[in-house]
Amino acid sequence: KIINIATLISIIANQKPAASGAAKGGLVQLTNALAVAWARDGIQANAILPGWIDTDLTQGARQQLPGLDEAVQARTPEGRWGVPQDLGGAAVFLASSASDFITGTTLLVDGGFAAD
């Protein structure tokens, strides 16, 4: 099992972290390429795409970008920032035998942000 961690910004454009989004978009494509190349060997490659997660980095961004906190909460249907623990269930699922027929998939963990 290969589980890459990319970002919501790898599939949704945002001008602020453009370089980071492009780099993580490349990671999503690498995940897809590995999934195709190694599927017959029983290796699954998937990626988790976290949305806006409350970390030291995003706390700094909220201080530097007025209105970011309110904008993220307003757009996220769950009405909150994610926390690192929100990613655990996705990782456990993708690492388990429950996902043995899932490969080349990106799993959004974003509180519905991309669905809005």
PDB file of N, CA and C in Angstrom:
ATOM      1  N   LYS A   1       0.850  -1.182   0.000  1.00  0.00           N
ATOM      2  CA  LYS A   1       0.000   0.000   0.000  1.00  0.00           C
ATOM      3  C   LYS A   1       0.890   1.239   0.000  1.00  0.00           C
ATOM      4  N   ILE A   2       0.586   2.144  -0.912  1.00  0.00           N
ATOM      5  CA  ILE A   2       1.251   3.444  -0.945  1.00  0.00           C
ATOM      6  C   ILE A   2       0.182   4.485  -0.685  1.00  0.00           C
ATOM      7  N   ILE A   3       0.422   5.329   0.304  1.00  0.00           N
ATOM      8  CA  ILE A   3      -0.514   6.406   0.622  1.00  0.00           C
ATOM      9  C   ILE A   3       0.267   7.712   0.598  1.00  0.00           C
ATOM     10  N   ASN A   4       0.012   8.506  -0.416  1.00  0.00           N
ATOM     11  CA  ASN A   4       0.643   9.817  -0.509  1.00  0.00           C
ATOM     12  C   ASN A   4      -0.277  10.862   0.101  1.00  0.00           C
ATOM     13  N   ILE A   5       0.315  11.906   0.629  1.00  0.00           N
ATOM     14  CA  ILE A   5      -0.450  13.022   1.181  1.00  0.00           C
ATOM     15  C   ILE A   5      -0.206  14.221   0.270  1.00  0.00           C
ATOM     16  N   ALA A   6      -1.245  14.651  -0.395  1.00  0.00           N
ATOM     17  CA  ALA A   6      -1.154  15.814  -1.284  1.00  0.00           C
ATOM     18  C   ALA A   6      -1.894  16.968  -0.608  1.00  0.00           C
ATOM     19  N   THR A   7      -2.813  17.607  -1.298  1.00  0.00           N
ATOM     20  CA  THR A   7      -3.585  18.701  -0.733  1.00  0.00           C
ATOM     21  C   THR A   7      -4.787  18.990  -1.614  1.00  0.00           C
ATOM     22  N   LEU A   8      -5.804  19.522  -1.027  1.00  0.00           N
ATOM     23  CA  LEU A   8      -6.974  19.993  -1.769  1.00  0.00           C
ATOM     24  C   LEU A   8      -6.552  20.967  -2.864  1.00  0.00           C
ATOM     25  N   ILE A   9      -5.536  21.776  -2.586  1.00  0.00           N
ATOM     26  CA  ILE A   9      -5.082  22.793  -3.535  1.00  0.00           C
ATOM     27  C   ILE A   9      -4.452  22.159  -4.777  1.00  0.00           C
ATOM     28  N   SER A  10      -4.189  20.851  -4.754  1.00  0.00           N
ATOM     29  CA  SER A  10      -3.664  20.197  -5.957  1.00  0.00           C
ATOM     30  C   SER A  10      -4.753  20.010  -7.013  1.00  0.00           C
ATOM     31  N   ILE A  11      -6.025  20.155  -6.625  1.00  0.00           N
ATOM     32  CA  ILE A  11      -7.117  20.006  -7.599  1.00  0.00           C
ATOM     33  C   ILE A  11      -8.020  21.222  -7.680  1.00  0.00           C
ATOM     34  N   ILE A  12      -7.868  22.166  -6.749  1.00  0.00           N
ATOM     35  CA  ILE A  12      -8.654  23.404  -6.761  1.00  0.00           C
ATOM     36  C   ILE A  12      -7.665  24.563  -6.808  1.00  0.00           C
ATOM     37  N   ALA A  13      -7.785  25.413  -7.805  1.00  0.00           N
ATOM     38  CA  ALA A  13      -6.839  26.516  -7.963  1.00  0.00           C
ATOM     39  C   ALA A  13      -6.962  27.524  -6.830  1.00  0.00           C
ATOM     40  N   ASN A  14      -5.815  28.015  -6.408  1.00  0.00           N
ATOM     41  CA  ASN A  14      -5.737  29.060  -5.401  1.00  0.00           C
ATOM     42  C   ASN A  14      -4.451  29.819  -5.674  1.00  0.00           C
ATOM     43  N   GLN A  15      -4.541  31.118  -5.857  1.00  0.00           N
ATOM     44  CA  GLN A  15      -3.364  31.883  -6.257  1.00  0.00           C
ATOM     45  C   GLN A  15      -2.295  32.002  -5.175  1.00  0.00           C
ATOM     46  N   LYS A  16      -2.667  31.917  -3.921  1.00  0.00           N
ATOM     47  CA  LYS A  16      -1.672  32.124  -2.859  1.00  0.00           C
ATOM     48  C   LYS A  16      -0.629  31.005  -2.808  1.00  0.00           C
ATOM     49  N   PRO A  17      -1.026  29.739  -2.675  1.00  0.00           N
ATOM     50  CA  PRO A  17      -0.010  28.689  -2.631  1.00  0.00           C
ATOM     51  C   PRO A  17       0.150  27.998  -3.995  1.00  0.00           C
ATOM     52  N   ALA A  18       0.347  28.775  -5.062  1.00  0.00           N
ATOM     53  CA  ALA A  18       0.393  28.204  -6.415  1.00  0.00           C
ATOM     54  C   ALA A  18       1.511  27.166  -6.563  1.00  0.00           C
ATOM     55  N   ALA A  19       2.699  27.467  -6.097  1.00  0.00           N
ATOM     56  CA  ALA A  19       3.815  26.537  -6.246  1.00  0.00           C
ATOM     57  C   ALA A  19       3.564  25.244  -5.479  1.00  0.00           C
ATOM     58  N   SER A  20       3.040  25.374  -4.269  1.00  0.00           N
ATOM     59  CA  SER A  20       2.741  24.195  -3.470  1.00  0.00           C
ATOM     60  C   SER A  20       1.657  23.350  -4.135  1.00  0.00           C
ATOM     61  N   GLY A  21       0.624  23.996  -4.644  1.00  0.00           N
ATOM     62  CA  GLY A  21      -0.451  23.280  -5.329  1.00  0.00           C
ATOM     63  C   GLY A  21       0.050  22.539  -6.554  1.00  0.00           C
ATOM     64  N   ALA A  22       0.935  23.181  -7.299  1.00  0.00           N
ATOM     65  CA  ALA A  22       1.498  22.533  -8.492  1.00  0.00           C
ATOM     66  C   ALA A  22       2.347  21.327  -8.112  1.00  0.00           C
ATOM     67  N   ALA A  23       3.142  21.477  -7.068  1.00  0.00           N
ATOM     68  CA  ALA A  23       3.984  20.361  -6.628  1.00  0.00           C
ATOM     69  C   ALA A  23       3.135  19.191  -6.152  1.00  0.00           C
ATOM     70  N   LYS A  24       2.099  19.484  -5.378  1.00  0.00           N
ATOM     71  CA  LYS A  24       1.229  18.414  -4.879  1.00  0.00           C
ATOM     72  C   LYS A  24       0.379  17.828  -6.004  1.00  0.00           C
ATOM     73  N   GLY A  25       0.067  18.636  -7.022  1.00  0.00           N
ATOM     74  CA  GLY A  25      -0.607  18.098  -8.199  1.00  0.00           C
ATOM     75  C   GLY A  25       0.257  17.057  -8.897  1.00  0.00           C
ATOM     76  N   GLY A  26       1.559  17.308  -8.917  1.00  0.00           N
ATOM     77  CA  GLY A  26       2.495  16.328  -9.459  1.00  0.00           C
ATOM     78  C   GLY A  26       2.493  15.050  -8.639  1.00  0.00           C
ATOM     79  N   LEU A  27       2.338  15.174  -7.333  1.00  0.00           N
ATOM     80  CA  LEU A  27       2.266  13.995  -6.464  1.00  0.00           C
ATOM     81  C   LEU A  27       1.007  13.181  -6.757  1.00  0.00           C
ATOM     82  N   VAL A  28      -0.092  13.868  -7.057  1.00  0.00           N
ATOM     83  CA  VAL A  28      -1.323  13.159  -7.432  1.00  0.00           C
ATOM     84  C   VAL A  28      -1.094  12.386  -8.734  1.00  0.00           C
ATOM     85  N   GLN A  29      -0.430  13.000  -9.703  1.00  0.00           N
ATOM     86  CA  GLN A  29      -0.152  12.300 -10.965  1.00  0.00           C
ATOM     87  C   GLN A  29       0.812  11.131 -10.750  1.00  0.00           C
ATOM     88  N   LEU A  30       1.796  11.299  -9.877  1.00  0.00           N
ATOM     89  CA  LEU A  30       2.698  10.196  -9.546  1.00  0.00           C
ATOM     90  C   LEU A  30       1.913   9.046  -8.922  1.00  0.00           C
ATOM     91  N   THR A  31       0.994   9.374  -8.046  1.00  0.00           N
ATOM     92  CA  THR A  31       0.141   8.356  -7.419  1.00  0.00           C
ATOM     93  C   THR A  31      -0.610   7.571  -8.495  1.00  0.00           C
ATOM     94  N   ASN A  32      -1.189   8.269  -9.460  1.00  0.00           N
ATOM     95  CA  ASN A  32      -1.922   7.607 -10.537  1.00  0.00           C
ATOM     96  C   ASN A  32      -1.000   6.723 -11.372  1.00  0.00           C
ATOM     97  N   ALA A  33       0.181   7.227 -11.687  1.00  0.00           N
ATOM     98  CA  ALA A  33       1.130   6.451 -12.495  1.00  0.00           C
ATOM     99  C   ALA A  33       1.562   5.182 -11.754  1.00  0.00           C
ATOM    100  N   LEU A  34       1.839   5.304 -10.464  1.00  0.00           N
ATOM    101  CA  LEU A  34       2.221   4.127  -9.675  1.00  0.00           C
ATOM    102  C   LEU A  34       1.079   3.129  -9.581  1.00  0.00           C
ATOM    103  N   ALA A  35      -0.135   3.635  -9.453  1.00  0.00           N
ATOM    104  CA  ALA A  35      -1.307   2.757  -9.370  1.00  0.00           C
ATOM    105  C   ALA A  35      -1.425   1.905 -10.627  1.00  0.00           C
ATOM    106  N   VAL A  36      -1.255   2.529 -11.770  1.00  0.00           N
ATOM    107  CA  VAL A  36      -1.358   1.799 -13.040  1.00  0.00           C
ATOM    108  C   VAL A  36      -0.182   0.839 -13.208  1.00  0.00           C
ATOM    109  N   ALA A  37       1.016   1.300 -12.884  1.00  0.00           N
ATOM    110  CA  ALA A  37       2.216   0.486 -13.097  1.00  0.00           C
ATOM    111  C   ALA A  37       2.266  -0.735 -12.192  1.00  0.00           C
ATOM    112  N   TRP A  38       1.763  -0.624 -10.975  1.00  0.00           N
ATOM    113  CA  TRP A  38       1.972  -1.686  -9.996  1.00  0.00           C
ATOM    114  C   TRP A  38       0.708  -2.443  -9.592  1.00  0.00           C
ATOM    115  N   ALA A  39      -0.420  -2.142 -10.193  1.00  0.00           N
ATOM    116  CA  ALA A  39      -1.673  -2.797  -9.817  1.00  0.00           C
ATOM    117  C   ALA A  39      -1.596  -4.314  -9.991  1.00  0.00           C
ATOM    118  N   ARG A  40      -1.027  -4.781 -11.076  1.00  0.00           N
ATOM    119  CA  ARG A  40      -0.948  -6.227 -11.321  1.00  0.00           C
ATOM    120  C   ARG A  40      -0.059  -6.947 -10.306  1.00  0.00           C
ATOM    121  N   ASP A  41       0.767  -6.191  -9.610  1.00  0.00           N
ATOM    122  CA  ASP A  41       1.611  -6.769  -8.559  1.00  0.00           C
ATOM    123  C   ASP A  41       0.938  -6.717  -7.193  1.00  0.00           C
ATOM    124  N   GLY A  42      -0.331  -6.286  -7.168  1.00  0.00           N
ATOM    125  CA  GLY A  42      -1.079  -6.225  -5.917  1.00  0.00           C
ATOM    126  C   GLY A  42      -0.734  -5.030  -5.047  1.00  0.00           C
ATOM    127  N   ILE A  43      -0.154  -4.012  -5.671  1.00  0.00           N
ATOM    128  CA  ILE A  43       0.210  -2.799  -4.926  1.00  0.00           C
ATOM    129  C   ILE A  43      -0.793  -1.713  -5.264  1.00  0.00           C
ATOM    130  N   GLN A  44      -1.399  -1.146  -4.234  1.00  0.00           N
ATOM    131  CA  GLN A  44      -2.339  -0.046  -4.430  1.00  0.00           C
ATOM    132  C   GLN A  44      -1.649   1.265  -4.061  1.00  0.00           C
ATOM    133  N   ALA A  45      -1.854   2.282  -4.895  1.00  0.00           N
ATOM    134  CA  ALA A  45      -1.319   3.621  -4.637  1.00  0.00           C
ATOM    135  C   ALA A  45      -2.487   4.598  -4.642  1.00  0.00           C
ATOM    136  N   ASN A  46      -2.643   5.304  -3.557  1.00  0.00           N
ATOM    137  CA  ASN A  46      -3.721   6.283  -3.419  1.00  0.00           C
ATOM    138  C   ASN A  46      -3.169   7.526  -2.735  1.00  0.00           C
ATOM    139  N   ALA A  47      -3.951   8.593  -2.775  1.00  0.00           N
ATOM    140  CA  ALA A  47      -3.526   9.836  -2.129  1.00  0.00           C
ATOM    141  C   ALA A  47      -4.654  10.395  -1.276  1.00  0.00           C
ATOM    142  N   ILE A  48      -4.273  10.951  -0.153  1.00  0.00           N
ATOM    143  CA  ILE A  48      -5.202  11.682   0.700  1.00  0.00           C
ATOM    144  C   ILE A  48      -4.989  13.165   0.408  1.00  0.00           C
ATOM    145  N   LEU A  49      -6.092  13.872   0.196  1.00  0.00           N
ATOM    146  CA  LEU A  49      -6.034  15.305  -0.067  1.00  0.00           C
ATOM    147  C   LEU A  49      -6.697  16.051   1.079  1.00  0.00           C
ATOM    148  N   PRO A  50      -5.896  16.489   2.057  1.00  0.00           N
ATOM    149  CA  PRO A  50      -6.472  17.262   3.149  1.00  0.00           C
ATOM    150  C   PRO A  50      -6.946  18.627   2.653  1.00  0.00           C
ATOM    151  N   GLY A  51      -8.014  19.088   3.245  1.00  0.00           N
ATOM    152  CA  GLY A  51      -8.454  20.459   3.003  1.00  0.00           C
ATOM    153  C   GLY A  51      -7.727  21.385   3.956  1.00  0.00           C
ATOM    154  N   TRP A  52      -8.419  22.384   4.437  1.00  0.00           N
ATOM    155  CA  TRP A  52      -7.825  23.350   5.360  1.00  0.00           C
ATOM    156  C   TRP A  52      -7.744  22.721   6.748  1.00  0.00           C
ATOM    157  N   ILE A  53      -6.509  22.415   7.161  1.00  0.00           N
ATOM    158  CA  ILE A  53      -6.259  21.741   8.431  1.00  0.00           C
ATOM    159  C   ILE A  53      -5.570  22.725   9.382  1.00  0.00           C
ATOM    160  N   ASP A  54      -5.998  22.733  10.634  1.00  0.00           N
ATOM    161  CA  ASP A  54      -5.443  23.614  11.652  1.00  0.00           C
ATOM    162  C   ASP A  54      -4.072  23.109  12.070  1.00  0.00           C
ATOM    163  N   THR A  55      -3.034  23.757  11.579  1.00  0.00           N
ATOM    164  CA  THR A  55      -1.651  23.416  11.905  1.00  0.00           C
ATOM    165  C   THR A  55      -0.897  24.704  12.226  1.00  0.00           C
ATOM    166  N   ASP A  56       0.346  24.581  12.650  1.00  0.00           N
ATOM    167  CA  ASP A  56       1.159  25.769  12.893  1.00  0.00           C
ATOM    168  C   ASP A  56       1.264  26.611  11.625  1.00  0.00           C
ATOM    169  N   LEU A  57       1.430  25.957  10.480  1.00  0.00           N
ATOM    170  CA  LEU A  57       1.548  26.675   9.207  1.00  0.00           C
ATOM    171  C   LEU A  57       0.277  27.450   8.880  1.00  0.00           C
ATOM    172  N   THR A  58      -0.881  26.816   9.029  1.00  0.00           N
ATOM    173  CA  THR A  58      -2.119  27.526   8.685  1.00  0.00           C
ATOM    174  C   THR A  58      -2.485  28.570   9.730  1.00  0.00           C
ATOM    175  N   GLN A  59      -2.056  28.375  10.962  1.00  0.00           N
ATOM    176  CA  GLN A  59      -2.280  29.417  11.964  1.00  0.00           C
ATOM    177  C   GLN A  59      -1.502  30.672  11.600  1.00  0.00           C
ATOM    178  N   GLY A  60      -0.284  30.483  11.094  1.00  0.00           N
ATOM    179  CA  GLY A  60       0.506  31.617  10.616  1.00  0.00           C
ATOM    180  C   GLY A  60      -0.140  32.289   9.427  1.00  0.00           C
ATOM    181  N   ALA A  61      -0.686  31.488   8.513  1.00  0.00           N
ATOM    182  CA  ALA A  61      -1.357  32.051   7.336  1.00  0.00           C
ATOM    183  C   ALA A  61      -2.568  32.879   7.751  1.00  0.00           C
ATOM    184  N   ARG A  62      -3.294  32.420   8.742  1.00  0.00           N
ATOM    185  CA  ARG A  62      -4.465  33.175   9.216  1.00  0.00           C
ATOM    186  C   ARG A  62      -4.064  34.518   9.805  1.00  0.00           C
ATOM    187  N   GLN A  63      -2.896  34.570  10.403  1.00  0.00           N
ATOM    188  CA  GLN A  63      -2.423  35.848  10.951  1.00  0.00           C
ATOM    189  C   GLN A  63      -1.983  36.784   9.834  1.00  0.00           C
ATOM    190  N   GLN A  64      -1.434  36.219   8.758  1.00  0.00           N
ATOM    191  CA  GLN A  64      -0.923  37.037   7.658  1.00  0.00           C
ATOM    192  C   GLN A  64      -1.994  37.411   6.639  1.00  0.00           C
ATOM    193  N   LEU A  65      -3.047  36.641   6.554  1.00  0.00           N
ATOM    194  CA  LEU A  65      -4.088  36.867   5.556  1.00  0.00           C
ATOM    195  C   LEU A  65      -5.417  37.169   6.242  1.00  0.00           C
ATOM    196  N   PRO A  66      -5.706  38.430   6.450  1.00  0.00           N
ATOM    197  CA  PRO A  66      -6.967  38.782   7.110  1.00  0.00           C
ATOM    198  C   PRO A  66      -8.167  38.203   6.354  1.00  0.00           C
ATOM    199  N   GLY A  67      -9.084  37.634   7.100  1.00  0.00           N
ATOM    200  CA  GLY A  67     -10.299  37.085   6.512  1.00  0.00           C
ATOM    201  C   GLY A  67     -10.199  35.621   6.102  1.00  0.00           C
ATOM    202  N   LEU A  68      -8.987  35.047   6.127  1.00  0.00           N
ATOM    203  CA  LEU A  68      -8.831  33.649   5.711  1.00  0.00           C
ATOM    204  C   LEU A  68      -9.632  32.713   6.606  1.00  0.00           C
ATOM    205  N   ASP A  69      -9.534  32.902   7.902  1.00  0.00           N
ATOM    206  CA  ASP A  69     -10.246  32.029   8.841  1.00  0.00           C
ATOM    207  C   ASP A  69     -11.744  32.035   8.560  1.00  0.00           C
ATOM    208  N   GLU A  70     -12.313  33.208   8.433  1.00  0.00           N
ATOM    209  CA  GLU A  70     -13.755  33.334   8.184  1.00  0.00           C
ATOM    210  C   GLU A  70     -14.141  32.749   6.830  1.00  0.00           C
ATOM    211  N   ALA A  71     -13.296  32.977   5.817  1.00  0.00           N
ATOM    212  CA  ALA A  71     -13.600  32.476   4.473  1.00  0.00           C
ATOM    213  C   ALA A  71     -13.597  30.950   4.425  1.00  0.00           C
ATOM    214  N   VAL A  72     -12.618  30.345   5.075  1.00  0.00           N
ATOM    215  CA  VAL A  72     -12.547  28.877   5.094  1.00  0.00           C
ATOM    216  C   VAL A  72     -13.750  28.305   5.824  1.00  0.00           C
ATOM    217  N   GLN A  73     -14.078  28.857   6.975  1.00  0.00           N
ATOM    218  CA  GLN A  73     -15.217  28.339   7.728  1.00  0.00           C
ATOM    219  C   GLN A  73     -16.529  28.546   6.974  1.00  0.00           C
ATOM    220  N   ALA A  74     -16.660  29.661   6.284  1.00  0.00           N
ATOM    221  CA  ALA A  74     -17.895  29.938   5.540  1.00  0.00           C
ATOM    222  C   ALA A  74     -18.066  28.996   4.362  1.00  0.00           C
ATOM    223  N   ARG A  75     -16.970  28.645   3.689  1.00  0.00           N
ATOM    224  CA  ARG A  75     -17.070  27.785   2.506  1.00  0.00           C
ATOM    225  C   ARG A  75     -17.149  26.303   2.861  1.00  0.00           C
ATOM    226  N   THR A  76     -16.627  25.923   4.015  1.00  0.00           N
ATOM    227  CA  THR A  76     -16.605  24.510   4.413  1.00  0.00           C
ATOM    228  C   THR A  76     -17.960  24.141   5.010  1.00  0.00           C
ATOM    229  N   PRO A  77     -18.696  23.210   4.381  1.00  0.00           N
ATOM    230  CA  PRO A  77     -20.008  22.845   4.900  1.00  0.00           C
ATOM    231  C   PRO A  77     -20.008  22.424   6.372  1.00  0.00           C
ATOM    232  N   GLU A  78     -18.943  21.807   6.850  1.00  0.00           N
ATOM    233  CA  GLU A  78     -18.881  21.450   8.267  1.00  0.00           C
ATOM    234  C   GLU A  78     -18.648  22.664   9.150  1.00  0.00           C
ATOM    235  N   GLY A  79     -18.302  23.816   8.548  1.00  0.00           N
ATOM    236  CA  GLY A  79     -18.181  25.056   9.290  1.00  0.00           C
ATOM    237  C   GLY A  79     -16.980  25.166  10.203  1.00  0.00           C
ATOM    238  N   ARG A  80     -15.942  24.396   9.925  1.00  0.00           N
ATOM    239  CA  ARG A  80     -14.756  24.431  10.784  1.00  0.00           C
ATOM    240  C   ARG A  80     -13.526  24.047   9.974  1.00  0.00           C
ATOM    241  N   TRP A  81     -12.381  24.339  10.546  1.00  0.00           N
ATOM    242  CA  TRP A  81     -11.115  23.843  10.018  1.00  0.00           C
ATOM    243  C   TRP A  81     -10.972  22.386  10.455  1.00  0.00           C
ATOM    244  N   GLY A  82     -10.312  21.598   9.644  1.00  0.00           N
ATOM    245  CA  GLY A  82     -10.002  20.235  10.054  1.00  0.00           C
ATOM    246  C   GLY A  82      -8.880  20.240  11.079  1.00  0.00           C
ATOM    247  N   VAL A  83      -8.721  19.129  11.748  1.00  0.00           N
ATOM    248  CA  VAL A  83      -7.602  18.927  12.668  1.00  0.00           C
ATOM    249  C   VAL A  83      -6.822  17.712  12.166  1.00  0.00           C
ATOM    250  N   PRO A  84      -5.540  17.618  12.494  1.00  0.00           N
ATOM    251  CA  PRO A  84      -4.743  16.500  11.984  1.00  0.00           C
ATOM    252  C   PRO A  84      -5.382  15.128  12.227  1.00  0.00           C
ATOM    253  N   GLN A  85      -6.084  14.967  13.345  1.00  0.00           N
ATOM    254  CA  GLN A  85      -6.709  13.685  13.663  1.00  0.00           C
ATOM    255  C   GLN A  85      -7.791  13.307  12.641  1.00  0.00           C
ATOM    256  N   ASP A  86      -8.327  14.276  11.913  1.00  0.00           N
ATOM    257  CA  ASP A  86      -9.343  13.984  10.903  1.00  0.00           C
ATOM    258  C   ASP A  86      -8.796  13.134   9.755  1.00  0.00           C
ATOM    259  N   LEU A  87      -7.499  13.119   9.576  1.00  0.00           N
ATOM    260  CA  LEU A  87      -6.885  12.362   8.480  1.00  0.00           C
ATOM    261  C   LEU A  87      -6.684  10.887   8.828  1.00  0.00           C
ATOM    262  N   GLY A  88      -6.725  10.560  10.106  1.00  0.00           N
ATOM    263  CA  GLY A  88      -6.426   9.204  10.557  1.00  0.00           C
ATOM    264  C   GLY A  88      -7.327   8.132   9.976  1.00  0.00           C
ATOM    265  N   GLY A  89      -8.625   8.379   9.939  1.00  0.00           N
ATOM    266  CA  GLY A  89      -9.554   7.373   9.426  1.00  0.00           C
ATOM    267  C   GLY A  89      -9.301   7.062   7.958  1.00  0.00           C
ATOM    268  N   ALA A  90      -9.009   8.090   7.176  1.00  0.00           N
ATOM    269  CA  ALA A  90      -8.720   7.879   5.753  1.00  0.00           C
ATOM    270  C   ALA A  90      -7.458   7.039   5.584  1.00  0.00           C
ATOM    271  N   ALA A  91      -6.438   7.353   6.383  1.00  0.00           N
ATOM    272  CA  ALA A  91      -5.186   6.602   6.288  1.00  0.00           C
ATOM    273  C   ALA A  91      -5.372   5.145   6.708  1.00  0.00           C
ATOM    274  N   VAL A  92      -6.107   4.923   7.783  1.00  0.00           N
ATOM    275  CA  VAL A  92      -6.354   3.552   8.245  1.00  0.00           C
ATOM    276  C   VAL A  92      -7.120   2.774   7.178  1.00  0.00           C
ATOM    277  N   PHE A  93      -8.141   3.391   6.609  1.00  0.00           N
ATOM    278  CA  PHE A  93      -8.919   2.726   5.556  1.00  0.00           C
ATOM    279  C   PHE A  93      -8.033   2.356   4.371  1.00  0.00           C
ATOM    280  N   LEU A  94      -7.256   3.319   3.871  1.00  0.00           N
ATOM    281  CA  LEU A  94      -6.424   3.047   2.697  1.00  0.00           C
ATOM    282  C   LEU A  94      -5.316   2.044   2.987  1.00  0.00           C
ATOM    283  N   ALA A  95      -4.886   1.941   4.228  1.00  0.00           N
ATOM    284  CA  ALA A  95      -3.846   0.977   4.602  1.00  0.00           C
ATOM    285  C   ALA A  95      -4.410  -0.415   4.862  1.00  0.00           C
ATOM    286  N   SER A  96      -5.721  -0.526   5.017  1.00  0.00           N
ATOM    287  CA  SER A  96      -6.335  -1.797   5.397  1.00  0.00           C
ATOM    288  C   SER A  96      -6.753  -2.628   4.185  1.00  0.00           C
ATOM    289  N   SER A  97      -7.123  -3.860   4.454  1.00  0.00           N
ATOM    290  CA  SER A  97      -7.615  -4.741   3.390  1.00  0.00           C
ATOM    291  C   SER A  97      -8.973  -4.286   2.857  1.00  0.00           C
ATOM    292  N   ALA A  98      -9.645  -3.402   3.568  1.00  0.00           N
ATOM    293  CA  ALA A  98     -10.934  -2.874   3.089  1.00  0.00           C
ATOM    294  C   ALA A  98     -10.776  -2.083   1.788  1.00  0.00           C
ATOM    295  N   SER A  99      -9.550  -1.671   1.477  1.00  0.00           N
ATOM    296  CA  SER A  99      -9.312  -0.887   0.262  1.00  0.00           C
ATOM    297  C   SER A  99      -8.504  -1.661  -0.784  1.00  0.00           C
ATOM    298  N   ASP A 100      -8.514  -2.977  -0.707  1.00  0.00           N
ATOM    299  CA  ASP A 100      -7.693  -3.780  -1.616  1.00  0.00           C
ATOM    300  C   ASP A 100      -8.037  -3.622  -3.101  1.00  0.00           C
ATOM    301  N   PHE A 101      -9.224  -3.168  -3.425  1.00  0.00           N
ATOM    302  CA  PHE A 101      -9.603  -2.985  -4.829  1.00  0.00           C
ATOM    303  C   PHE A 101      -9.717  -1.495  -5.175  1.00  0.00           C
ATOM    304  N   ILE A 102      -9.028  -0.664  -4.402  1.00  0.00           N
ATOM    305  CA  ILE A 102      -9.019   0.780  -4.636  1.00  0.00           C
ATOM    306  C   ILE A 102      -7.589   1.189  -4.931  1.00  0.00           C
ATOM    307  N   THR A 103      -7.377   1.733  -6.113  1.00  0.00           N
ATOM    308  CA  THR A 103      -6.045   2.222  -6.472  1.00  0.00           C
ATOM    309  C   THR A 103      -6.183   3.379  -7.442  1.00  0.00           C
ATOM    310  N   GLY A 104      -5.252   4.313  -7.362  1.00  0.00           N
ATOM    311  CA  GLY A 104      -5.290   5.487  -8.219  1.00  0.00           C
ATOM    312  C   GLY A 104      -6.358   6.491  -7.823  1.00  0.00           C
ATOM    313  N   THR A 105      -6.729   6.475  -6.561  1.00  0.00           N
ATOM    314  CA  THR A 105      -7.803   7.327  -6.066  1.00  0.00           C
ATOM    315  C   THR A 105      -7.246   8.434  -5.188  1.00  0.00           C
ATOM    316  N   THR A 106      -7.911   9.582  -5.252  1.00  0.00           N
ATOM    317  CA  THR A 106      -7.616  10.654  -4.313  1.00  0.00           C
ATOM    318  C   THR A 106      -8.812  10.764  -3.375  1.00  0.00           C
ATOM    319  N   LEU A 107      -8.528  10.751  -2.096  1.00  0.00           N
ATOM    320  CA  LEU A 107      -9.572  10.808  -1.084  1.00  0.00           C
ATOM    321  C   LEU A 107      -9.523  12.168  -0.404  1.00  0.00           C
ATOM    322  N   LEU A 108     -10.542  12.973  -0.669  1.00  0.00           N
ATOM    323  CA  LEU A 108     -10.635  14.304  -0.059  1.00  0.00           C
ATOM    324  C   LEU A 108     -11.043  14.176   1.402  1.00  0.00           C
ATOM    325  N   VAL A 109     -10.314  14.858   2.263  1.00  0.00           N
ATOM    326  CA  VAL A 109     -10.666  14.969   3.680  1.00  0.00           C
ATOM    327  C   VAL A 109     -10.715  16.462   3.940  1.00  0.00           C
ATOM    328  N   ASP A 110     -11.860  17.060   3.609  1.00  0.00           N
ATOM    329  CA  ASP A 110     -11.934  18.519   3.554  1.00  0.00           C
ATOM    330  C   ASP A 110     -13.219  19.110   4.131  1.00  0.00           C
ATOM    331  N   GLY A 111     -13.997  18.321   4.844  1.00  0.00           N
ATOM    332  CA  GLY A 111     -15.227  18.832   5.432  1.00  0.00           C
ATOM    333  C   GLY A 111     -16.254  19.308   4.420  1.00  0.00           C
ATOM    334  N   GLY A 112     -16.087  18.870   3.169  1.00  0.00           N
ATOM    335  CA  GLY A 112     -17.018  19.262   2.104  1.00  0.00           C
ATOM    336  C   GLY A 112     -16.601  20.495   1.327  1.00  0.00           C
ATOM    337  N   PHE A 113     -15.411  21.049   1.595  1.00  0.00           N
ATOM    338  CA  PHE A 113     -14.957  22.270   0.941  1.00  0.00           C
ATOM    339  C   PHE A 113     -15.033  22.165  -0.579  1.00  0.00           C
ATOM    340  N   ALA A 114     -14.551  21.065  -1.153  1.00  0.00           N
ATOM    341  CA  ALA A 114     -14.535  20.916  -2.615  1.00  0.00           C
ATOM    342  C   ALA A 114     -15.931  20.710  -3.185  1.00  0.00           C
ATOM    343  N   ALA A 115     -16.855  20.258  -2.372  1.00  0.00           N
ATOM    344  CA  ALA A 115     -18.217  20.008  -2.848  1.00  0.00           C
ATOM    345  C   ALA A 115     -19.035  21.287  -2.959  1.00  0.00           C
ATOM    346  N   ASP A 116     -18.612  22.331  -2.258  1.00  0.00           N
ATOM    347  CA  ASP A 116     -19.367  23.584  -2.236  1.00  0.00           C
ATOM    348  C   ASP A 116     -19.199  24.351  -3.539  1.00  0.00           C
TER     349      ASP A 116
END
